[in-house]
Amino acid sequence: MYFIILDAIPVNAVPKNTDPVQKTAMESIELLRGSHEEPAVFTAASFIRHRLGKTPDRVSSLPRYCLMGFEPAHYQRLKRRFPSCSTLSIRPGRPYLLFQFEGVPMAYIDCGIGAPASAMVLEETIELGAETCLFTGTCGALLEGIFHHDLIVPTAAVRDEGTSFHYEPPSRFSLPDPELRDALRDSLSERDLHFRESPVWTTDAPYRETAGRIRRLLADGCEAVDMESAALFSVAKSRGRRIAGLLTAVDSLAGGEWRASLPRRPEAGLSMDAVLEAGLRALRMWHHRRFETGSSRRLE
C-alpha cells in the first residue's frame, strides 16, 4: 500500500495481480477516490466573505505579487524594512503586510506550518488577487555537504503529503512554475548568492522520516525535506497562478541521524533578512521581465 500512495497510482490502475485483500484496501483509501475537479462546498471565497462580511471583489485587493513565509518573526523584520507598510487582516495575528519594493507593490503573509495551513493561506491569497507568489521556508538536509542557512531552490517536490492530491491528479512530483523559478535563480546568481537546485521531499509526518524512506528519496535526487512545497505547487497550478520556493537549510537527517544544527561555513552565512530580501528581489526581477521588457509568456 505504501508504494501505491508514494508513486501515486490512481485507484483504477491498481495492478490486476494484486492480492484481493490488499486491492480492496487500496481502493478504499479516500485520498485516492473522487475527483480533484469536483467543486468544493467550503471555499476561500466563503471564508473571506465570512471574515470580512464582504464578497472578495469588494475587499481591498492584494497586489499582484505576494511573498509567503513560515516564521512569525518575519513580520518584525519586514516592518523594520518597510516602516510605512499597511495591513489587511483575514486571520487574527497573521495579517497581510502591504508595501512597495523598489516601486513595485507587494504583500507578505505568514502561512503557518504544514501543507494544509499553507494551502489554505495560498487559496485565500489568490482569491484576494495575488497572481504570482514566492515562498521562503526552512528545510532539513538529506545529505552531507549542506551548511547552515544554505539556500535550496526546489525544482520539484515529492508528494508524500495529502493536501496536493486534492488539487492535482495523482503523480509522484508537484512542480513550481519554471519561469518564476528561473527568475529566482537568476536573481540569486546576480547577487552572487550560493544556492543549490534539487527536488525536495514534502512530508506531513516529520516524526516518520525513516532511514529507508530517506534512501529512496536520495535516489530520486532529493537533497532536502520540508512540509509545504508539494502542496503549494499543486494549489497554485490548480488555480492557474505562478509559484516558486526558496528554502533555507536549518537541520539535518544526513546519514540517517537527526542533527538539530548544521555546520557553518567559514564565511558568514545568510541572515533571515537577507533571505527575505532575496525573495523580494526575485519577484522584482519577475515583474521587470514580464511587464518592463515583455519577454515572458502569459500563463494559460
Protein backbone atom coordinates (compact mmCIF):
# COMPACT_ATOMS: atom_id res chain seq x y z
CA MET A 1 0.00 0.00 0.00
CA TYR A 2 2.88 2.35 0.70
CA PHE A 3 4.13 2.23 -2.86
CA ILE A 4 0.67 2.87 -4.27
CA ILE A 5 0.48 6.11 -2.29
CA LEU A 6 4.10 7.11 -2.79
CA ASP A 7 4.06 6.56 -6.54
CA ALA A 8 0.55 7.99 -6.76
CA ILE A 9 -1.03 5.23 -8.85
CA PRO A 10 -4.74 6.01 -9.38
CA VAL A 11 -7.20 3.57 -7.84
CA ASN A 12 -8.37 2.39 -11.26
CA ALA A 13 -4.77 1.50 -12.09
CA VAL A 14 -4.19 -0.93 -9.20
CA PRO A 15 -2.32 -3.91 -10.74
CA LYS A 16 -4.61 -6.81 -11.64
CA ASN A 17 -2.41 -9.35 -9.88
CA THR A 18 -2.64 -7.51 -6.56
CA ASP A 19 -3.81 -9.62 -3.61
CA PRO A 20 -7.63 -9.19 -3.33
CA VAL A 21 -7.48 -8.10 0.30
CA GLN A 22 -4.77 -5.55 -0.44
CA LYS A 23 -6.61 -4.40 -3.59
CA THR A 24 -9.75 -3.74 -1.56
CA ALA A 25 -7.71 -1.77 0.97
CA MET A 26 -6.12 0.29 -1.79
CA GLU A 27 -9.45 1.08 -3.39
CA SER A 28 -10.86 2.20 -0.03
CA ILE A 29 -8.26 4.92 0.50
CA GLU A 30 -10.36 8.07 0.45
CA LEU A 31 -7.42 10.23 -0.61
CA LEU A 32 -7.33 8.45 -3.98
CA ARG A 33 -11.09 8.42 -4.54
CA GLY A 34 -13.25 11.12 -6.05
CA SER A 35 -12.07 13.94 -8.26
CA HIS A 36 -9.84 16.93 -7.60
CA GLU A 37 -12.01 18.78 -10.14
CA GLU A 38 -15.24 18.40 -8.15
CA PRO A 39 -16.39 21.79 -6.76
CA ALA A 40 -15.82 22.36 -3.04
CA VAL A 41 -18.61 23.21 -0.62
CA PHE A 42 -16.43 25.41 1.59
CA THR A 43 -14.08 27.72 -0.32
CA ALA A 44 -11.59 30.52 0.28
CA ALA A 45 -14.20 32.94 -1.04
CA SER A 46 -16.67 31.65 1.56
CA PHE A 47 -14.16 32.14 4.35
CA ILE A 48 -13.23 35.66 3.24
CA ARG A 49 -16.88 36.61 2.98
CA HIS A 50 -17.45 35.25 6.50
CA ARG A 51 -14.46 37.05 7.98
CA LEU A 52 -14.99 40.42 6.33
CA GLY A 53 -18.70 40.44 5.65
CA LYS A 54 -17.95 41.24 2.02
CA THR A 55 -17.57 39.39 -1.23
CA PRO A 56 -13.92 39.07 -2.35
CA ASP A 57 -14.41 41.53 -5.23
CA ARG A 58 -15.38 44.21 -2.70
CA VAL A 59 -12.37 43.58 -0.45
CA SER A 60 -9.30 45.76 -0.86
CA SER A 61 -7.40 43.52 -3.26
CA LEU A 62 -3.83 42.38 -2.76
CA PRO A 63 -1.02 43.41 -5.06
CA ARG A 64 -0.12 41.12 -7.93
CA TYR A 65 2.91 39.77 -6.02
CA CYS A 66 3.00 38.08 -2.63
CA LEU A 67 5.94 36.79 -0.62
CA MET A 68 4.96 33.98 1.75
CA GLY A 69 6.79 32.75 4.83
CA PHE A 70 6.54 30.48 7.84
CA GLU A 71 8.19 32.44 10.65
CA PRO A 72 6.23 34.98 12.73
CA ALA A 73 9.47 36.93 13.27
CA HIS A 74 9.42 37.87 9.58
CA TYR A 75 6.68 40.39 10.37
CA GLN A 76 9.02 42.44 12.52
CA ARG A 77 11.83 42.14 10.01
CA LEU A 78 9.62 43.45 7.21
CA LYS A 79 8.08 46.20 9.34
CA ARG A 80 11.60 47.48 10.04
CA ARG A 81 12.38 47.24 6.32
CA PHE A 82 9.10 48.94 5.29
CA PRO A 83 8.01 51.17 8.19
CA SER A 84 5.15 52.73 6.19
CA CYS A 85 3.56 49.39 5.27
CA SER A 86 -0.19 48.90 5.73
CA THR A 87 -2.10 45.73 6.64
CA LEU A 88 -5.08 43.67 5.53
CA SER A 89 -6.34 41.18 8.13
CA ILE A 90 -8.16 37.96 7.31
CA ARG A 91 -6.75 35.72 10.04
CA PRO A 92 -6.15 37.06 13.59
CA GLY A 93 -2.47 37.59 14.30
CA ARG A 94 -1.38 36.96 10.72
CA PRO A 95 -2.21 39.99 8.58
CA TYR A 96 -1.05 40.71 5.07
CA LEU A 97 1.65 43.37 5.04
CA LEU A 98 1.30 45.70 2.05
CA PHE A 99 4.31 47.69 0.85
CA GLN A 100 6.27 48.78 -2.19
CA PHE A 101 9.63 47.27 -3.02
CA GLU A 102 11.61 49.39 -5.46
CA GLY A 103 8.39 50.83 -6.83
CA VAL A 104 6.55 47.50 -7.17
CA PRO A 105 3.52 46.86 -4.90
CA MET A 106 3.91 43.62 -2.94
CA ALA A 107 2.41 41.77 0.01
CA TYR A 108 3.71 39.41 2.67
CA ILE A 109 1.78 36.76 4.60
CA ASP A 110 2.71 34.14 7.20
CA CYS A 111 1.37 30.73 6.15
CA GLY A 112 1.53 28.81 9.40
CA ILE A 113 3.20 25.40 9.41
CA GLY A 114 2.47 22.38 7.22
CA ALA A 115 0.74 21.63 3.94
CA PRO A 116 -2.92 22.12 4.98
CA ALA A 117 -2.38 25.51 6.64
CA SER A 118 -0.18 26.89 3.88
CA ALA A 119 -2.55 25.64 1.16
CA MET A 120 -5.45 27.46 2.80
CA VAL A 121 -3.48 30.69 3.03
CA LEU A 122 -2.41 30.40 -0.61
CA GLU A 123 -6.02 29.81 -1.69
CA GLU A 124 -7.09 32.95 0.20
CA THR A 125 -4.16 34.93 -1.20
CA ILE A 126 -5.14 34.00 -4.75
CA GLU A 127 -8.79 34.78 -4.03
CA LEU A 128 -7.75 38.25 -2.87
CA GLY A 129 -6.00 38.95 -6.15
CA ALA A 130 -2.38 37.74 -5.98
CA GLU A 131 -1.14 36.25 -9.24
CA THR A 132 2.50 35.41 -8.53
CA CYS A 133 3.74 34.07 -5.19
CA LEU A 134 7.12 33.08 -3.85
CA PHE A 135 7.61 31.33 -0.52
CA THR A 136 10.67 31.34 1.71
CA GLY A 137 10.83 28.49 4.19
CA THR A 138 13.16 26.18 6.07
CA CYS A 139 14.11 22.60 5.33
CA GLY A 140 16.14 19.67 6.60
CA ALA A 141 19.22 18.49 4.70
CA LEU A 142 19.21 14.88 3.48
CA LEU A 143 22.88 14.63 2.55
CA GLU A 144 26.24 15.76 3.82
CA GLY A 145 27.85 18.92 2.49
CA ILE A 146 24.90 21.24 3.15
CA PHE A 147 25.68 24.04 5.60
CA HIS A 148 23.69 26.22 7.96
CA HIS A 149 21.37 28.57 6.03
CA ASP A 150 22.41 27.21 2.63
CA LEU A 151 19.78 28.10 0.04
CA ILE A 152 17.90 25.43 -1.90
CA VAL A 153 15.65 26.18 -4.88
CA PRO A 154 13.19 23.27 -5.31
CA THR A 155 12.93 22.01 -8.88
CA ALA A 156 10.15 19.59 -7.90
CA ALA A 157 8.57 18.18 -4.73
CA VAL A 158 7.80 14.55 -3.99
CA ARG A 159 4.16 14.40 -2.88
CA ASP A 160 4.44 12.47 0.38
CA GLU A 161 1.65 14.55 1.94
CA GLY A 162 -2.10 14.51 1.43
CA THR A 163 -3.09 18.04 0.50
CA SER A 164 -1.74 18.12 -3.06
CA PHE A 165 -3.89 15.12 -4.08
CA HIS A 166 -7.00 17.25 -3.58
CA TYR A 167 -5.74 19.70 -6.23
CA GLU A 168 -3.96 17.66 -8.91
CA PRO A 169 -4.29 14.13 -10.31
CA PRO A 170 -2.04 11.55 -8.62
CA SER A 171 1.61 11.77 -9.64
CA ARG A 172 4.92 11.45 -7.88
CA PHE A 173 6.01 15.08 -8.20
CA SER A 174 4.48 18.53 -7.93
CA LEU A 175 6.25 21.28 -9.84
CA PRO A 176 6.93 25.01 -9.41
CA ASP A 177 6.37 27.45 -12.23
CA PRO A 178 9.53 27.08 -14.34
CA GLU A 179 9.79 30.71 -15.45
CA LEU A 180 9.37 32.08 -11.94
CA ARG A 181 11.92 29.56 -10.69
CA ASP A 182 14.32 30.74 -13.39
CA ALA A 183 13.81 34.36 -12.29
CA LEU A 184 14.57 33.34 -8.70
CA ARG A 185 17.69 31.50 -9.76
CA ASP A 186 18.88 34.41 -11.89
CA SER A 187 18.20 36.88 -9.10
CA LEU A 188 20.29 34.83 -6.67
CA SER A 189 23.10 34.47 -9.20
CA GLU A 190 23.05 38.19 -9.96
CA ARG A 191 23.72 38.86 -6.27
CA ASP A 192 26.43 36.15 -6.07
CA LEU A 193 24.41 34.14 -3.54
CA HIS A 194 25.37 30.47 -3.37
CA PHE A 195 22.41 28.11 -3.80
CA ARG A 196 21.57 24.54 -4.71
CA GLU A 197 18.84 23.26 -7.03
CA SER A 198 17.19 19.89 -6.48
CA PRO A 199 13.92 18.09 -5.92
CA VAL A 200 12.72 18.16 -2.32
CA TRP A 201 10.63 15.73 -0.31
CA THR A 202 7.43 17.11 1.21
CA THR A 203 6.03 15.14 4.14
CA ASP A 204 3.20 15.53 6.64
CA ALA A 205 4.94 13.32 9.20
CA PRO A 206 8.30 14.69 10.39
CA TYR A 207 8.49 12.06 13.13
CA ARG A 208 8.21 9.31 10.49
CA GLU A 209 11.18 10.26 8.36
CA THR A 210 12.70 6.78 8.29
CA ALA A 211 16.14 5.72 7.08
CA GLY A 212 14.65 3.58 4.30
CA ARG A 213 12.48 6.39 3.03
CA ILE A 214 15.42 8.80 3.10
CA ARG A 215 17.47 6.38 0.97
CA ARG A 216 14.66 6.16 -1.59
CA LEU A 217 14.28 9.92 -1.76
CA LEU A 218 18.02 10.43 -2.13
CA ALA A 219 17.89 8.05 -5.10
CA ASP A 220 15.31 10.41 -6.61
CA GLY A 221 17.78 13.27 -6.26
CA CYS A 222 16.10 14.92 -3.27
CA GLU A 223 18.54 16.92 -1.16
CA ALA A 224 16.12 18.32 1.43
CA VAL A 225 12.81 17.70 3.18
CA ASP A 226 10.06 20.18 4.03
CA MET A 227 6.35 20.21 4.86
CA GLU A 228 4.80 22.60 2.34
CA SER A 229 6.35 22.73 -1.14
CA ALA A 230 4.34 19.99 -2.87
CA ALA A 231 1.02 21.34 -1.62
CA LEU A 232 1.82 24.93 -2.57
CA PHE A 233 2.95 23.93 -6.06
CA SER A 234 -0.24 21.93 -6.63
CA VAL A 235 -2.60 24.61 -5.30
CA ALA A 236 -1.03 27.29 -7.50
CA LYS A 237 -1.19 25.11 -10.60
CA SER A 238 -4.82 24.18 -9.99
CA ARG A 239 -5.73 27.86 -9.59
CA GLY A 240 -3.77 28.96 -12.67
CA ARG A 241 -1.22 31.00 -10.75
CA ARG A 242 2.55 31.01 -10.52
CA ILE A 243 4.63 29.97 -7.52
CA ALA A 244 8.22 29.03 -6.71
CA GLY A 245 10.11 28.46 -3.47
CA LEU A 246 13.36 29.30 -1.72
CA LEU A 247 14.31 27.06 1.21
CA THR A 248 16.93 27.58 3.91
CA ALA A 249 18.63 24.55 5.47
CA VAL A 250 18.42 24.51 9.27
CA ASP A 251 18.81 20.89 10.42
CA SER A 252 19.93 17.54 9.03
CA LEU A 253 18.86 13.93 8.51
CA ALA A 254 22.02 13.03 6.58
CA GLY A 255 23.39 9.60 7.33
CA GLY A 256 20.14 8.53 8.98
CA GLU A 257 20.74 10.64 12.08
CA TRP A 258 18.86 13.80 13.06
CA ARG A 259 21.04 16.76 13.98
CA ALA A 260 19.43 19.94 15.24
CA SER A 261 22.02 22.17 13.62
CA LEU A 262 24.25 22.20 10.58
CA PRO A 263 27.94 23.11 10.32
CA ARG A 264 28.56 26.72 9.47
CA ARG A 265 30.57 27.93 6.54
CA PRO A 266 33.83 29.77 7.33
CA GLU A 267 32.33 32.88 5.80
CA ALA A 268 29.27 34.37 7.44
CA GLY A 269 26.02 32.66 6.49
CA LEU A 270 22.95 34.44 5.16
CA SER A 271 20.73 36.16 7.71
CA MET A 272 16.96 35.74 7.52
CA ASP A 273 16.74 39.40 6.49
CA ALA A 274 18.92 38.56 3.50
CA VAL A 275 16.73 35.58 2.61
CA LEU A 276 13.62 37.78 2.62
CA GLU A 277 15.46 40.35 0.53
CA ALA A 278 16.36 37.63 -1.96
CA GLY A 279 12.70 36.66 -2.28
CA LEU A 280 11.61 40.25 -2.81
CA ARG A 281 14.29 40.82 -5.43
CA ALA A 282 13.24 37.69 -7.30
CA LEU A 283 9.67 38.98 -7.51
CA ARG A 284 11.02 42.34 -8.63
CA MET A 285 13.04 40.63 -11.37
CA TRP A 286 9.95 38.70 -12.48
CA HIS A 287 7.98 41.94 -12.70
CA HIS A 288 10.75 43.53 -14.74
CA ARG A 289 10.85 40.62 -17.19
CA ARG A 290 7.13 40.39 -17.63
CA PHE A 291 5.98 43.99 -17.65
CA GLU A 292 9.04 46.11 -18.38
CA THR A 293 10.60 44.00 -21.14
CA GLY A 294 7.59 41.92 -22.22
CA SER A 295 9.85 38.86 -22.54
CA SER A 296 7.70 36.35 -20.63
CA ARG A 297 4.86 34.28 -21.93
CA ARG A 298 1.49 34.62 -20.24
CA LEU A 299 0.16 31.84 -18.05
CA GLU A 300 -2.54 29.84 -19.79
